[in-house]
Amino acid sequence: ERAVGMILEPIYEEEFYDFSFGFRPGRSAHQALD
């Protein structure tokens, strides 16, 4: 699962919008609050 996730993650990091914060690299709940 981690191996497949390492492929899918860079694809969808280019798709996800800036207002989405959950379960994304480099993003946290505190950033969402800010």
PDB file of all heavy atoms in Angstrom:
ATOM      1  N   GLU A   1       0.832  -1.201   0.000  1.00  0.00           N
ATOM      2  CA  GLU A   1       0.000   0.000   0.000  1.00  0.00           C
ATOM      3  C   GLU A   1       0.868   1.253   0.000  1.00  0.00           C
ATOM      4  O   GLU A   1       0.561   2.239  -0.680  1.00  0.00           O
ATOM      5  CB  GLU A   1      -0.931   0.002   1.216  1.00  0.00           C
ATOM      6  CG  GLU A   1      -2.098  -0.968   1.116  1.00  0.00           C
ATOM      7  CD  GLU A   1      -3.113  -0.769   2.224  1.00  0.00           C
ATOM      8  OE1 GLU A   1      -3.114   0.315   2.843  1.00  0.00           O
ATOM      9  OE2 GLU A   1      -3.900  -1.690   2.477  1.00  0.00           O
ATOM     10  N   ARG A   2       1.940   1.228   0.791  1.00  0.00           N
ATOM     11  CA  ARG A   2       2.841   2.377   0.816  1.00  0.00           C
ATOM     12  C   ARG A   2       3.492   2.583  -0.539  1.00  0.00           C
ATOM     13  O   ARG A   2       3.644   3.724  -1.007  1.00  0.00           O
ATOM     14  CB  ARG A   2       3.905   2.172   1.884  1.00  0.00           C
ATOM     15  CG  ARG A   2       4.918   3.300   1.994  1.00  0.00           C
ATOM     16  CD  ARG A   2       4.284   4.583   2.462  1.00  0.00           C
ATOM     17  NE  ARG A   2       3.815   4.484   3.833  1.00  0.00           N
ATOM     18  CZ  ARG A   2       3.076   5.389   4.440  1.00  0.00           C
ATOM     19  NH1 ARG A   2       2.681   6.463   3.762  1.00  0.00           N
ATOM     20  NH2 ARG A   2       2.697   5.232   5.704  1.00  0.00           N
ATOM     21  N   ALA A   3       3.877   1.497  -1.198  1.00  0.00           N
ATOM     22  CA  ALA A   3       4.513   1.603  -2.511  1.00  0.00           C
ATOM     23  C   ALA A   3       3.568   2.230  -3.532  1.00  0.00           C
ATOM     24  O   ALA A   3       3.968   3.094  -4.325  1.00  0.00           O
ATOM     25  CB  ALA A   3       4.969   0.217  -2.980  1.00  0.00           C
ATOM     26  N   VAL A   4       2.309   1.806  -3.530  1.00  0.00           N
ATOM     27  CA  VAL A   4       1.319   2.392  -4.446  1.00  0.00           C
ATOM     28  C   VAL A   4       1.017   3.836  -4.057  1.00  0.00           C
ATOM     29  O   VAL A   4       0.875   4.714  -4.919  1.00  0.00           O
ATOM     30  CB  VAL A   4       0.035   1.542  -4.451  1.00  0.00           C
ATOM     31  CG1 VAL A   4      -1.071   2.231  -5.250  1.00  0.00           C
ATOM     32  CG2 VAL A   4       0.316   0.157  -5.027  1.00  0.00           C
ATOM     33  N   GLY A   5       0.934   4.101  -2.756  1.00  0.00           N
ATOM     34  CA  GLY A   5       0.695   5.466  -2.299  1.00  0.00           C
ATOM     35  C   GLY A   5       1.794   6.423  -2.717  1.00  0.00           C
ATOM     36  O   GLY A   5       1.543   7.596  -3.011  1.00  0.00           O
ATOM     37  N   MET A   6       3.037   5.927  -2.768  1.00  0.00           N
ATOM     38  CA  MET A   6       4.165   6.757  -3.198  1.00  0.00           C
ATOM     39  C   MET A   6       4.059   7.133  -4.668  1.00  0.00           C
ATOM     40  O   MET A   6       4.683   8.095  -5.115  1.00  0.00           O
ATOM     41  CB  MET A   6       5.476   6.018  -2.923  1.00  0.00           C
ATOM     42  CG  MET A   6       5.844   5.950  -1.449  1.00  0.00           C
ATOM     43  SD  MET A   6       7.076   4.667  -1.062  1.00  0.00           S
ATOM     44  CE  MET A   6       8.406   5.077  -2.190  1.00  0.00           C
ATOM     45  N   ILE A   7       3.272   6.390  -5.439  1.00  0.00           N
ATOM     46  CA  ILE A   7       3.013   6.735  -6.840  1.00  0.00           C
ATOM     47  C   ILE A   7       1.827   7.688  -6.951  1.00  0.00           C
ATOM     48  O   ILE A   7       1.877   8.690  -7.675  1.00  0.00           O
ATOM     49  CB  ILE A   7       2.750   5.454  -7.668  1.00  0.00           C
ATOM     50  CG1 ILE A   7       4.035   4.635  -7.785  1.00  0.00           C
ATOM     51  CG2 ILE A   7       2.213   5.802  -9.051  1.00  0.00           C
ATOM     52  CD1 ILE A   7       3.848   3.317  -8.515  1.00  0.00           C
ATOM     53  N   LEU A   8       0.757   7.386  -6.229  1.00  0.00           N
ATOM     54  CA  LEU A   8      -0.463   8.196  -6.348  1.00  0.00           C
ATOM     55  C   LEU A   8      -0.315   9.576  -5.706  1.00  0.00           C
ATOM     56  O   LEU A   8      -0.881  10.555  -6.206  1.00  0.00           O
ATOM     57  CB  LEU A   8      -1.634   7.456  -5.701  1.00  0.00           C
ATOM     58  CG  LEU A   8      -2.079   6.147  -6.353  1.00  0.00           C
ATOM     59  CD1 LEU A   8      -3.237   5.542  -5.576  1.00  0.00           C
ATOM     60  CD2 LEU A   8      -2.474   6.376  -7.806  1.00  0.00           C
ATOM     61  N   GLU A   9       0.423   9.645  -4.608  1.00  0.00           N
ATOM     62  CA  GLU A   9       0.521  10.907  -3.868  1.00  0.00           C
ATOM     63  C   GLU A   9       1.045  12.068  -4.708  1.00  0.00           C
ATOM     64  O   GLU A   9       0.420  13.143  -4.735  1.00  0.00           O
ATOM     65  CB  GLU A   9       1.386  10.708  -2.631  1.00  0.00           C
ATOM     66  CG  GLU A   9       1.465  11.929  -1.730  1.00  0.00           C
ATOM     67  CD  GLU A   9       2.338  11.661  -0.518  1.00  0.00           C
ATOM     68  OE1 GLU A   9       3.577  11.799  -0.643  1.00  0.00           O
ATOM     69  OE2 GLU A   9       1.792  11.293   0.536  1.00  0.00           O
ATOM     70  N   PRO A  10       2.176  11.942  -5.426  1.00  0.00           N
ATOM     71  CA  PRO A  10       2.640  13.087  -6.231  1.00  0.00           C
ATOM     72  C   PRO A  10       1.689  13.467  -7.357  1.00  0.00           C
ATOM     73  O   PRO A  10       1.653  14.633  -7.765  1.00  0.00           O
ATOM     74  CB  PRO A  10       3.994  12.601  -6.786  1.00  0.00           C
ATOM     75  CG  PRO A  10       3.983  11.124  -6.652  1.00  0.00           C
ATOM     76  CD  PRO A  10       3.123  10.822  -5.481  1.00  0.00           C
ATOM     77  N   ILE A  11       0.905  12.511  -7.845  1.00  0.00           N
ATOM     78  CA  ILE A  11      -0.075  12.830  -8.889  1.00  0.00           C
ATOM     79  C   ILE A  11      -1.167  13.723  -8.323  1.00  0.00           C
ATOM     80  O   ILE A  11      -1.493  14.779  -8.893  1.00  0.00           O
ATOM     81  CB  ILE A  11      -0.691  11.537  -9.466  1.00  0.00           C
ATOM     82  CG1 ILE A  11       0.374  10.691 -10.151  1.00  0.00           C
ATOM     83  CG2 ILE A  11      -1.826  11.869 -10.436  1.00  0.00           C
ATOM     84  CD1 ILE A  11      -0.124   9.323 -10.578  1.00  0.00           C
ATOM     85  N   TYR A  12      -1.717  13.325  -7.189  1.00  0.00           N
ATOM     86  CA  TYR A  12      -2.865  14.052  -6.648  1.00  0.00           C
ATOM     87  C   TYR A  12      -2.476  15.289  -5.847  1.00  0.00           C
ATOM     88  O   TYR A  12      -3.327  16.166  -5.641  1.00  0.00           O
ATOM     89  CB  TYR A  12      -3.726  13.110  -5.814  1.00  0.00           C
ATOM     90  CG  TYR A  12      -4.605  12.245  -6.676  1.00  0.00           C
ATOM     91  CD1 TYR A  12      -4.219  10.960  -7.035  1.00  0.00           C
ATOM     92  CD2 TYR A  12      -5.804  12.731  -7.183  1.00  0.00           C
ATOM     93  CE1 TYR A  12      -5.012  10.175  -7.855  1.00  0.00           C
ATOM     94  CE2 TYR A  12      -6.610  11.959  -8.002  1.00  0.00           C
ATOM     95  CZ  TYR A  12      -6.205  10.682  -8.337  1.00  0.00           C
ATOM     96  OH  TYR A  12      -6.997   9.920  -9.151  1.00  0.00           O
ATOM     97  N   GLU A  13      -1.218  15.378  -5.433  1.00  0.00           N
ATOM     98  CA  GLU A  13      -0.790  16.624  -4.803  1.00  0.00           C
ATOM     99  C   GLU A  13      -0.839  17.785  -5.792  1.00  0.00           C
ATOM    100  O   GLU A  13      -0.959  18.941  -5.399  1.00  0.00           O
ATOM    101  CB  GLU A  13       0.620  16.472  -4.227  1.00  0.00           C
ATOM    102  CG  GLU A  13       0.665  15.816  -2.856  1.00  0.00           C
ATOM    103  CD  GLU A  13      -0.116  16.578  -1.813  1.00  0.00           C
ATOM    104  OE1 GLU A  13       0.119  17.799  -1.665  1.00  0.00           O
ATOM    105  OE2 GLU A  13      -0.986  15.969  -1.151  1.00  0.00           O
ATOM    106  N   GLU A  14      -0.740  17.460  -7.076  1.00  0.00           N
ATOM    107  CA  GLU A  14      -0.902  18.483  -8.109  1.00  0.00           C
ATOM    108  C   GLU A  14      -2.373  18.790  -8.376  1.00  0.00           C
ATOM    109  O   GLU A  14      -2.693  19.820  -8.960  1.00  0.00           O
ATOM    110  CB  GLU A  14      -0.229  18.020  -9.413  1.00  0.00           C
ATOM    111  CG  GLU A  14       1.280  17.845  -9.314  1.00  0.00           C
ATOM    112  CD  GLU A  14       1.974  19.132  -8.944  1.00  0.00           C
ATOM    113  OE1 GLU A  14       1.665  20.162  -9.563  1.00  0.00           O
ATOM    114  OE2 GLU A  14       2.823  19.110  -8.027  1.00  0.00           O
ATOM    115  N   GLU A  15      -3.261  17.903  -7.927  1.00  0.00           N
ATOM    116  CA  GLU A  15      -4.692  18.066  -8.165  1.00  0.00           C
ATOM    117  C   GLU A  15      -5.399  18.734  -6.981  1.00  0.00           C
ATOM    118  O   GLU A  15      -6.299  19.553  -7.167  1.00  0.00           O
ATOM    119  CB  GLU A  15      -5.329  16.694  -8.410  1.00  0.00           C
ATOM    120  CG  GLU A  15      -4.850  15.979  -9.656  1.00  0.00           C
ATOM    121  CD  GLU A  15      -5.487  16.530 -10.911  1.00  0.00           C
ATOM    122  OE1 GLU A  15      -6.699  16.817 -10.889  1.00  0.00           O
ATOM    123  OE2 GLU A  15      -4.764  16.679 -11.909  1.00  0.00           O
ATOM    124  N   PHE A  16      -5.015  18.362  -5.770  1.00  0.00           N
ATOM    125  CA  PHE A  16      -5.712  18.836  -4.580  1.00  0.00           C
ATOM    126  C   PHE A  16      -5.634  20.356  -4.469  1.00  0.00           C
ATOM    127  O   PHE A  16      -4.627  20.981  -4.828  1.00  0.00           O
ATOM    128  CB  PHE A  16      -5.120  18.208  -3.320  1.00  0.00           C
ATOM    129  CG  PHE A  16      -5.369  16.722  -3.201  1.00  0.00           C
ATOM    130  CD1 PHE A  16      -4.528  15.920  -2.439  1.00  0.00           C
ATOM    131  CD2 PHE A  16      -6.434  16.125  -3.833  1.00  0.00           C
ATOM    132  CE1 PHE A  16      -4.746  14.557  -2.312  1.00  0.00           C
ATOM    133  CE2 PHE A  16      -6.670  14.764  -3.725  1.00  0.00           C
ATOM    134  CZ  PHE A  16      -5.817  13.984  -2.966  1.00  0.00           C
ATOM    135  N   TYR A  17      -6.707  20.937  -3.922  1.00  0.00           N
ATOM    136  CA  TYR A  17      -6.773  22.385  -3.757  1.00  0.00           C
ATOM    137  C   TYR A  17      -6.091  22.819  -2.464  1.00  0.00           C
ATOM    138  O   TYR A  17      -5.877  22.014  -1.547  1.00  0.00           O
ATOM    139  CB  TYR A  17      -8.237  22.842  -3.765  1.00  0.00           C
ATOM    140  CG  TYR A  17      -8.934  22.610  -5.082  1.00  0.00           C
ATOM    141  CD1 TYR A  17      -9.885  21.602  -5.217  1.00  0.00           C
ATOM    142  CD2 TYR A  17      -8.645  23.387  -6.192  1.00  0.00           C
ATOM    143  CE1 TYR A  17     -10.527  21.375  -6.425  1.00  0.00           C
ATOM    144  CE2 TYR A  17      -9.282  23.171  -7.403  1.00  0.00           C
ATOM    145  CZ  TYR A  17     -10.219  22.165  -7.517  1.00  0.00           C
ATOM    146  OH  TYR A  17     -10.839  21.948  -8.719  1.00  0.00           O
ATOM    147  N   ASP A  18      -5.784  24.112  -2.389  1.00  0.00           N
ATOM    148  CA  ASP A  18      -5.065  24.644  -1.228  1.00  0.00           C
ATOM    149  C   ASP A  18      -5.901  24.608   0.044  1.00  0.00           C
ATOM    150  O   ASP A  18      -5.348  24.666   1.144  1.00  0.00           O
ATOM    151  CB  ASP A  18      -4.617  26.086  -1.500  1.00  0.00           C
ATOM    152  CG  ASP A  18      -3.492  26.158  -2.520  1.00  0.00           C
ATOM    153  OD1 ASP A  18      -2.805  25.133  -2.703  1.00  0.00           O
ATOM    154  OD2 ASP A  18      -3.304  27.227  -3.131  1.00  0.00           O
ATOM    155  N   PHE A  19      -7.220  24.524  -0.079  1.00  0.00           N
ATOM    156  CA  PHE A  19      -8.053  24.522   1.126  1.00  0.00           C
ATOM    157  C   PHE A  19      -8.253  23.116   1.694  1.00  0.00           C
ATOM    158  O   PHE A  19      -9.004  22.936   2.656  1.00  0.00           O
ATOM    159  CB  PHE A  19      -9.411  25.186   0.864  1.00  0.00           C
ATOM    160  CG  PHE A  19     -10.214  24.580  -0.261  1.00  0.00           C
ATOM    161  CD1 PHE A  19     -10.845  23.352  -0.115  1.00  0.00           C
ATOM    162  CD2 PHE A  19     -10.346  25.244  -1.463  1.00  0.00           C
ATOM    163  CE1 PHE A  19     -11.589  22.794  -1.144  1.00  0.00           C
ATOM    164  CE2 PHE A  19     -11.088  24.703  -2.506  1.00  0.00           C
ATOM    165  CZ  PHE A  19     -11.712  23.479  -2.335  1.00  0.00           C
ATOM    166  N   SER A  20      -7.569  22.120   1.131  1.00  0.00           N
ATOM    167  CA  SER A  20      -7.616  20.756   1.660  1.00  0.00           C
ATOM    168  C   SER A  20      -6.339  20.499   2.459  1.00  0.00           C
ATOM    169  O   SER A  20      -5.231  20.680   1.939  1.00  0.00           O
ATOM    170  CB  SER A  20      -7.729  19.751   0.515  1.00  0.00           C
ATOM    171  OG  SER A  20      -7.576  18.429   0.986  1.00  0.00           O
ATOM    172  N   PHE A  21      -6.485  20.058   3.716  1.00  0.00           N
ATOM    173  CA  PHE A  21      -5.332  19.947   4.610  1.00  0.00           C
ATOM    174  C   PHE A  21      -5.117  18.543   5.168  1.00  0.00           C
ATOM    175  O   PHE A  21      -4.023  18.225   5.615  1.00  0.00           O
ATOM    176  CB  PHE A  21      -5.483  20.925   5.784  1.00  0.00           C
ATOM    177  CG  PHE A  21      -5.291  22.362   5.406  1.00  0.00           C
ATOM    178  CD1 PHE A  21      -6.361  23.113   4.936  1.00  0.00           C
ATOM    179  CD2 PHE A  21      -4.064  22.968   5.514  1.00  0.00           C
ATOM    180  CE1 PHE A  21      -6.194  24.446   4.574  1.00  0.00           C
ATOM    181  CE2 PHE A  21      -3.881  24.295   5.159  1.00  0.00           C
ATOM    182  CZ  PHE A  21      -4.949  25.035   4.694  1.00  0.00           C
ATOM    183  N   GLY A  22      -6.119  17.717   5.213  1.00  0.00           N
ATOM    184  CA  GLY A  22      -6.008  16.438   5.909  1.00  0.00           C
ATOM    185  C   GLY A  22      -5.184  15.403   5.173  1.00  0.00           C
ATOM    186  O   GLY A  22      -5.341  15.213   3.956  1.00  0.00           O
ATOM    187  N   PHE A  23      -4.302  14.703   5.900  1.00  0.00           N
ATOM    188  CA  PHE A  23      -3.517  13.572   5.371  1.00  0.00           C
ATOM    189  C   PHE A  23      -2.731  13.958   4.122  1.00  0.00           C
ATOM    190  O   PHE A  23      -2.676  13.213   3.145  1.00  0.00           O
ATOM    191  CB  PHE A  23      -4.436  12.384   5.063  1.00  0.00           C
ATOM    192  CG  PHE A  23      -5.258  11.940   6.242  1.00  0.00           C
ATOM    193  CD1 PHE A  23      -6.639  11.950   6.183  1.00  0.00           C
ATOM    194  CD2 PHE A  23      -4.652  11.519   7.414  1.00  0.00           C
ATOM    195  CE1 PHE A  23      -7.403  11.537   7.266  1.00  0.00           C
ATOM    196  CE2 PHE A  23      -5.401  11.111   8.493  1.00  0.00           C
ATOM    197  CZ  PHE A  23      -6.777  11.125   8.430  1.00  0.00           C
ATOM    198  N   ARG A  24      -2.113  15.134   4.166  1.00  0.00           N
ATOM    199  CA  ARG A  24      -1.286  15.575   3.062  1.00  0.00           C
ATOM    200  C   ARG A  24       0.099  15.932   3.578  1.00  0.00           C
ATOM    201  O   ARG A  24       0.227  16.484   4.678  1.00  0.00           O
ATOM    202  CB  ARG A  24      -1.913  16.791   2.351  1.00  0.00           C
ATOM    203  CG  ARG A  24      -3.226  16.486   1.657  1.00  0.00           C
ATOM    204  CD  ARG A  24      -3.755  17.715   0.939  1.00  0.00           C
ATOM    205  NE  ARG A  24      -2.817  18.190  -0.074  1.00  0.00           N
ATOM    206  CZ  ARG A  24      -2.973  19.330  -0.749  1.00  0.00           C
ATOM    207  NH1 ARG A  24      -4.037  20.092  -0.518  1.00  0.00           N
ATOM    208  NH2 ARG A  24      -2.091  19.704  -1.647  1.00  0.00           N
ATOM    209  N   PRO A  25       1.145  15.617   2.816  1.00  0.00           N
ATOM    210  CA  PRO A  25       2.509  15.900   3.290  1.00  0.00           C
ATOM    211  C   PRO A  25       2.739  17.394   3.476  1.00  0.00           C
ATOM    212  O   PRO A  25       2.364  18.210   2.623  1.00  0.00           O
ATOM    213  CB  PRO A  25       3.394  15.337   2.169  1.00  0.00           C
ATOM    214  CG  PRO A  25       2.513  15.257   0.967  1.00  0.00           C
ATOM    215  CD  PRO A  25       1.143  14.981   1.488  1.00  0.00           C
ATOM    216  N   GLY A  26       3.341  17.754   4.602  1.00  0.00           N
ATOM    217  CA  GLY A  26       3.656  19.149   4.862  1.00  0.00           C
ATOM    218  C   GLY A  26       2.486  19.984   5.314  1.00  0.00           C
ATOM    219  O   GLY A  26       2.609  21.219   5.400  1.00  0.00           O
ATOM    220  N   ARG A  27       1.356  19.351   5.622  1.00  0.00           N
ATOM    221  CA  ARG A  27       0.178  20.096   6.070  1.00  0.00           C
ATOM    222  C   ARG A  27      -0.319  19.523   7.387  1.00  0.00           C
ATOM    223  O   ARG A  27      -0.184  18.328   7.643  1.00  0.00           O
ATOM    224  CB  ARG A  27      -0.932  20.057   5.015  1.00  0.00           C
ATOM    225  CG  ARG A  27      -0.541  20.800   3.754  1.00  0.00           C
ATOM    226  CD  ARG A  27      -1.690  20.919   2.777  1.00  0.00           C
ATOM    227  NE  ARG A  27      -1.378  21.926   1.780  1.00  0.00           N
ATOM    228  CZ  ARG A  27      -2.217  22.871   1.380  1.00  0.00           C
ATOM    229  NH1 ARG A  27      -3.418  22.947   1.890  1.00  0.00           N
ATOM    230  NH2 ARG A  27      -1.843  23.744   0.467  1.00  0.00           N
ATOM    231  N   SER A  28      -0.899  20.375   8.209  1.00  0.00           N
ATOM    232  CA  SER A  28      -1.307  19.953   9.548  1.00  0.00           C
ATOM    233  C   SER A  28      -2.633  20.589   9.925  1.00  0.00           C
ATOM    234  O   SER A  28      -3.130  21.505   9.257  1.00  0.00           O
ATOM    235  CB  SER A  28      -0.238  20.357  10.577  1.00  0.00           C
ATOM    236  OG  SER A  28      -0.174  21.777  10.699  1.00  0.00           O
ATOM    237  N   ALA A  29      -3.186  20.111  11.036  1.00  0.00           N
ATOM    238  CA  ALA A  29      -4.437  20.666  11.550  1.00  0.00           C
ATOM    239  C   ALA A  29      -4.242  22.116  11.985  1.00  0.00           C
ATOM    240  O   ALA A  29      -5.145  22.946  11.838  1.00  0.00           O
ATOM    241  CB  ALA A  29      -4.943  19.823  12.717  1.00  0.00           C
ATOM    242  N   HIS A  30      -3.073  22.450  12.524  1.00  0.00           N
ATOM    243  CA  HIS A  30      -2.827  23.821  12.961  1.00  0.00           C
ATOM    244  C   HIS A  30      -2.757  24.782  11.771  1.00  0.00           C
ATOM    245  O   HIS A  30      -3.217  25.924  11.869  1.00  0.00           O
ATOM    246  CB  HIS A  30      -1.530  23.880  13.778  1.00  0.00           C
ATOM    247  CG  HIS A  30      -1.589  23.094  15.044  1.00  0.00           C
ATOM    248  ND1 HIS A  30      -0.645  22.187  15.401  1.00  0.00           N
ATOM    249  CD2 HIS A  30      -2.516  23.060  16.030  1.00  0.00           C
ATOM    250  CE1 HIS A  30      -0.953  21.637  16.557  1.00  0.00           C
ATOM    251  NE2 HIS A  30      -2.090  22.145  16.958  1.00  0.00           N
ATOM    252  N   GLN A  31      -2.214  24.309  10.655  1.00  0.00           N
ATOM    253  CA  GLN A  31      -2.227  25.131   9.448  1.00  0.00           C
ATOM    254  C   GLN A  31      -3.656  25.344   8.953  1.00  0.00           C
ATOM    255  O   GLN A  31      -3.991  26.420   8.457  1.00  0.00           O
ATOM    256  CB  GLN A  31      -1.371  24.482   8.358  1.00  0.00           C
ATOM    257  CG  GLN A  31       0.113  24.485   8.654  1.00  0.00           C
ATOM    258  CD  GLN A  31       0.913  23.732   7.610  1.00  0.00           C
ATOM    259  OE1 GLN A  31       0.422  22.782   7.000  1.00  0.00           O
ATOM    260  NE2 GLN A  31       2.149  24.141   7.399  1.00  0.00           N
ATOM    261  N   ALA A  32      -4.480  24.315   9.095  1.00  0.00           N
ATOM    262  CA  ALA A  32      -5.888  24.443   8.712  1.00  0.00           C
ATOM    263  C   ALA A  32      -6.590  25.489   9.575  1.00  0.00           C
ATOM    264  O   ALA A  32      -7.392  26.292   9.069  1.00  0.00           O
ATOM    265  CB  ALA A  32      -6.593  23.090   8.835  1.00  0.00           C
ATOM    266  N   LEU A  33      -6.300  25.503  10.867  1.00  0.00           N
ATOM    267  CA  LEU A  33      -6.896  26.506  11.759  1.00  0.00           C
ATOM    268  C   LEU A  33      -6.457  27.912  11.373  1.00  0.00           C
ATOM    269  O   LEU A  33      -7.264  28.845  11.370  1.00  0.00           O
ATOM    270  CB  LEU A  33      -6.515  26.215  13.207  1.00  0.00           C
ATOM    271  CG  LEU A  33      -7.224  25.047  13.888  1.00  0.00           C
ATOM    272  CD1 LEU A  33      -6.600  24.780  15.248  1.00  0.00           C
ATOM    273  CD2 LEU A  33      -8.715  25.323  14.039  1.00  0.00           C
ATOM    274  N   ASP A  34      -5.165  28.075  11.064  1.00  0.00           N
ATOM    275  CA  ASP A  34      -4.677  29.394  10.648  1.00  0.00           C
ATOM    276  C   ASP A  34      -5.382  29.850   9.371  1.00  0.00           C
ATOM    277  O   ASP A  34      -5.772  31.021   9.245  1.00  0.00           O
ATOM    278  CB  ASP A  34      -3.162  29.342  10.413  1.00  0.00           C
ATOM    279  CG  ASP A  34      -2.385  29.253  11.713  1.00  0.00           C
ATOM    280  OD1 ASP A  34      -2.937  29.622  12.763  1.00  0.00           O
ATOM    281  OD2 ASP A  34      -1.219  28.800  11.675  1.00  0.00           O
TER     282      ASP A  34
END
